[in-house]
Amino acid sequence: MDQFWIETLVNAFPMLLLIAVWVGFMVMWRRGGFQSKYQAAYLEQMRAQVAALERIAAAIEKSP
């Protein structure tokens, strides 16, 4: 009887591993993906550049 459970576990292991990886990907996707912290840093950098460009544009508009 013990042999049956060992064989069942060994045979089911690849499917259980596949399900675990799939659940892991779903959790990561729900949290915002793998690159969410990099995307946040990039977005912050882009906002700083936009603010700098707006200051330059305002200065050019004020000049005679």
N, C-alpha and C. Protein backbone atom coordinates (compact mmCIF):
# COMPACT_ATOMS: atom_id res chain seq x y z
N MET A 1 0.83 -1.20 0.00
CA MET A 1 0.00 0.00 0.00
C MET A 1 0.87 1.26 0.00
N ASP A 2 1.98 1.23 0.71
CA ASP A 2 2.86 2.39 0.73
C ASP A 2 3.46 2.66 -0.64
N GLN A 3 3.75 1.61 -1.37
CA GLN A 3 4.33 1.76 -2.71
C GLN A 3 3.36 2.52 -3.63
N PHE A 4 2.07 2.27 -3.48
CA PHE A 4 1.06 2.94 -4.30
C PHE A 4 1.11 4.45 -4.10
N TRP A 5 1.19 4.91 -2.85
CA TRP A 5 1.20 6.34 -2.56
C TRP A 5 2.50 6.99 -3.03
N ILE A 6 3.59 6.29 -2.90
CA ILE A 6 4.88 6.84 -3.36
C ILE A 6 4.86 7.00 -4.88
N GLU A 7 4.38 5.99 -5.58
CA GLU A 7 4.30 6.08 -7.05
C GLU A 7 3.33 7.17 -7.47
N THR A 8 2.22 7.32 -6.77
CA THR A 8 1.24 8.35 -7.09
C THR A 8 1.85 9.74 -6.90
N LEU A 9 2.57 9.92 -5.82
CA LEU A 9 3.21 11.21 -5.56
C LEU A 9 4.27 11.52 -6.60
N VAL A 10 5.09 10.52 -6.94
CA VAL A 10 6.15 10.72 -7.94
C VAL A 10 5.53 11.03 -9.30
N ASN A 11 4.47 10.37 -9.65
CA ASN A 11 3.83 10.60 -10.94
C ASN A 11 3.08 11.94 -10.98
N ALA A 12 2.58 12.38 -9.84
CA ALA A 12 1.82 13.63 -9.79
C ALA A 12 2.73 14.84 -9.61
N PHE A 13 3.98 14.64 -9.25
CA PHE A 13 4.87 15.76 -8.97
C PHE A 13 5.00 16.76 -10.13
N PRO A 14 5.21 16.33 -11.38
CA PRO A 14 5.31 17.33 -12.47
C PRO A 14 4.05 18.19 -12.61
N MET A 15 2.88 17.58 -12.45
CA MET A 15 1.65 18.35 -12.57
C MET A 15 1.51 19.32 -11.40
N LEU A 16 1.85 18.88 -10.20
CA LEU A 16 1.79 19.77 -9.04
C LEU A 16 2.77 20.92 -9.19
N LEU A 17 3.94 20.63 -9.72
CA LEU A 17 4.93 21.69 -9.96
C LEU A 17 4.42 22.69 -10.99
N LEU A 18 3.81 22.21 -12.04
CA LEU A 18 3.24 23.08 -13.06
C LEU A 18 2.15 23.98 -12.48
N ILE A 19 1.30 23.42 -11.65
CA ILE A 19 0.23 24.19 -11.02
C ILE A 19 0.83 25.24 -10.09
N ALA A 20 1.87 24.88 -9.33
CA ALA A 20 2.50 25.83 -8.41
C ALA A 20 3.13 27.00 -9.18
N VAL A 21 3.78 26.71 -10.29
CA VAL A 21 4.38 27.77 -11.10
C VAL A 21 3.30 28.66 -11.68
N TRP A 22 2.23 28.07 -12.15
CA TRP A 22 1.12 28.85 -12.71
C TRP A 22 0.51 29.77 -11.66
N VAL A 23 0.30 29.25 -10.45
CA VAL A 23 -0.24 30.09 -9.37
C VAL A 23 0.73 31.21 -9.04
N GLY A 24 2.02 30.92 -9.04
CA GLY A 24 3.03 31.95 -8.80
C GLY A 24 2.98 33.06 -9.84
N PHE A 25 2.84 32.69 -11.10
CA PHE A 25 2.72 33.71 -12.15
C PHE A 25 1.45 34.53 -12.00
N MET A 26 0.37 33.90 -11.61
CA MET A 26 -0.88 34.64 -11.42
C MET A 26 -0.75 35.64 -10.27
N VAL A 27 -0.07 35.26 -9.21
CA VAL A 27 0.14 36.18 -8.09
C VAL A 27 1.00 37.35 -8.53
N MET A 28 2.07 37.06 -9.27
CA MET A 28 2.94 38.13 -9.75
C MET A 28 2.18 39.07 -10.69
N TRP A 29 1.34 38.51 -11.56
CA TRP A 29 0.59 39.32 -12.50
C TRP A 29 -0.38 40.22 -11.75
N ARG A 30 -1.00 39.69 -10.71
CA ARG A 30 -1.96 40.48 -9.95
C ARG A 30 -1.28 41.62 -9.20
N ARG A 31 -0.05 41.41 -8.77
CA ARG A 31 0.70 42.43 -8.04
C ARG A 31 1.27 43.48 -8.97
N GLY A 32 1.24 43.28 -10.25
CA GLY A 32 1.73 44.28 -11.17
C GLY A 32 2.89 43.82 -12.02
N GLY A 33 3.20 42.61 -12.02
CA GLY A 33 4.23 42.08 -12.89
C GLY A 33 5.60 42.07 -12.26
N PHE A 34 6.54 41.59 -13.04
CA PHE A 34 7.89 41.42 -12.56
C PHE A 34 8.64 42.74 -12.50
N GLN A 35 8.31 43.68 -13.36
CA GLN A 35 9.09 44.89 -13.48
C GLN A 35 8.39 46.09 -12.85
N SER A 36 7.49 45.90 -11.94
CA SER A 36 6.71 47.02 -11.42
C SER A 36 7.60 48.04 -10.71
N LYS A 37 8.62 47.61 -9.96
CA LYS A 37 9.48 48.58 -9.28
C LYS A 37 10.33 49.34 -10.28
N TYR A 38 10.73 48.68 -11.37
CA TYR A 38 11.50 49.37 -12.40
C TYR A 38 10.62 50.35 -13.17
N GLN A 39 9.40 49.95 -13.41
CA GLN A 39 8.48 50.84 -14.11
C GLN A 39 8.17 52.06 -13.26
N ALA A 40 8.05 51.88 -11.96
CA ALA A 40 7.78 53.01 -11.07
C ALA A 40 8.95 53.99 -11.08
N ALA A 41 10.17 53.47 -11.05
CA ALA A 41 11.35 54.34 -11.09
C ALA A 41 11.42 55.08 -12.43
N TYR A 42 11.11 54.39 -13.52
CA TYR A 42 11.12 55.01 -14.85
C TYR A 42 10.06 56.10 -14.93
N LEU A 43 8.88 55.84 -14.39
CA LEU A 43 7.81 56.83 -14.40
C LEU A 43 8.21 58.07 -13.60
N GLU A 44 8.85 57.86 -12.47
CA GLU A 44 9.31 59.00 -11.65
C GLU A 44 10.35 59.82 -12.40
N GLN A 45 11.24 59.16 -13.10
CA GLN A 45 12.26 59.86 -13.89
C GLN A 45 11.61 60.66 -15.02
N MET A 46 10.62 60.08 -15.67
CA MET A 46 9.92 60.78 -16.75
C MET A 46 9.18 62.01 -16.21
N ARG A 47 8.59 61.91 -15.03
CA ARG A 47 7.90 63.07 -14.44
C ARG A 47 8.89 64.18 -14.14
N ALA A 48 10.07 63.83 -13.67
CA ALA A 48 11.10 64.84 -13.40
C ALA A 48 11.53 65.52 -14.70
N GLN A 49 11.67 64.76 -15.77
CA GLN A 49 12.04 65.36 -17.06
C GLN A 49 10.95 66.27 -17.59
N VAL A 50 9.70 65.88 -17.43
CA VAL A 50 8.59 66.71 -17.88
C VAL A 50 8.57 68.02 -17.10
N ALA A 51 8.80 67.94 -15.79
CA ALA A 51 8.82 69.16 -14.98
C ALA A 51 9.96 70.08 -15.41
N ALA A 52 11.11 69.51 -15.71
CA ALA A 52 12.24 70.32 -16.17
C ALA A 52 11.93 70.97 -17.52
N LEU A 53 11.33 70.24 -18.42
CA LEU A 53 10.97 70.80 -19.73
C LEU A 53 9.92 71.89 -19.60
N GLU A 54 8.98 71.72 -18.67
CA GLU A 54 7.98 72.77 -18.47
C GLU A 54 8.62 74.04 -17.93
N ARG A 55 9.62 73.89 -17.04
CA ARG A 55 10.32 75.08 -16.54
C ARG A 55 11.09 75.76 -17.66
N ILE A 56 11.71 74.99 -18.55
CA ILE A 56 12.44 75.57 -19.68
C ILE A 56 11.47 76.29 -20.62
N ALA A 57 10.33 75.67 -20.90
CA ALA A 57 9.35 76.28 -21.79
C ALA A 57 8.80 77.59 -21.19
N ALA A 58 8.58 77.60 -19.88
CA ALA A 58 8.09 78.80 -19.23
C ALA A 58 9.14 79.91 -19.30
N ALA A 59 10.40 79.55 -19.12
CA ALA A 59 11.46 80.54 -19.22
C ALA A 59 11.60 81.11 -20.63
N ILE A 60 11.43 80.27 -21.63
CA ILE A 60 11.52 80.72 -23.02
C ILE A 60 10.35 81.64 -23.34
N GLU A 61 9.15 81.33 -22.84
CA GLU A 61 7.99 82.18 -23.09
C GLU A 61 8.14 83.56 -22.45
N LYS A 62 8.83 83.64 -21.33
CA LYS A 62 9.01 84.91 -20.63
C LYS A 62 10.07 85.78 -21.30
N SER A 63 11.00 85.16 -22.00
CA SER A 63 12.09 85.95 -22.61
C SER A 63 11.54 86.76 -23.78
N PRO A 64 12.12 87.96 -23.97
CA PRO A 64 11.62 88.84 -25.06
C PRO A 64 11.96 88.40 -26.43
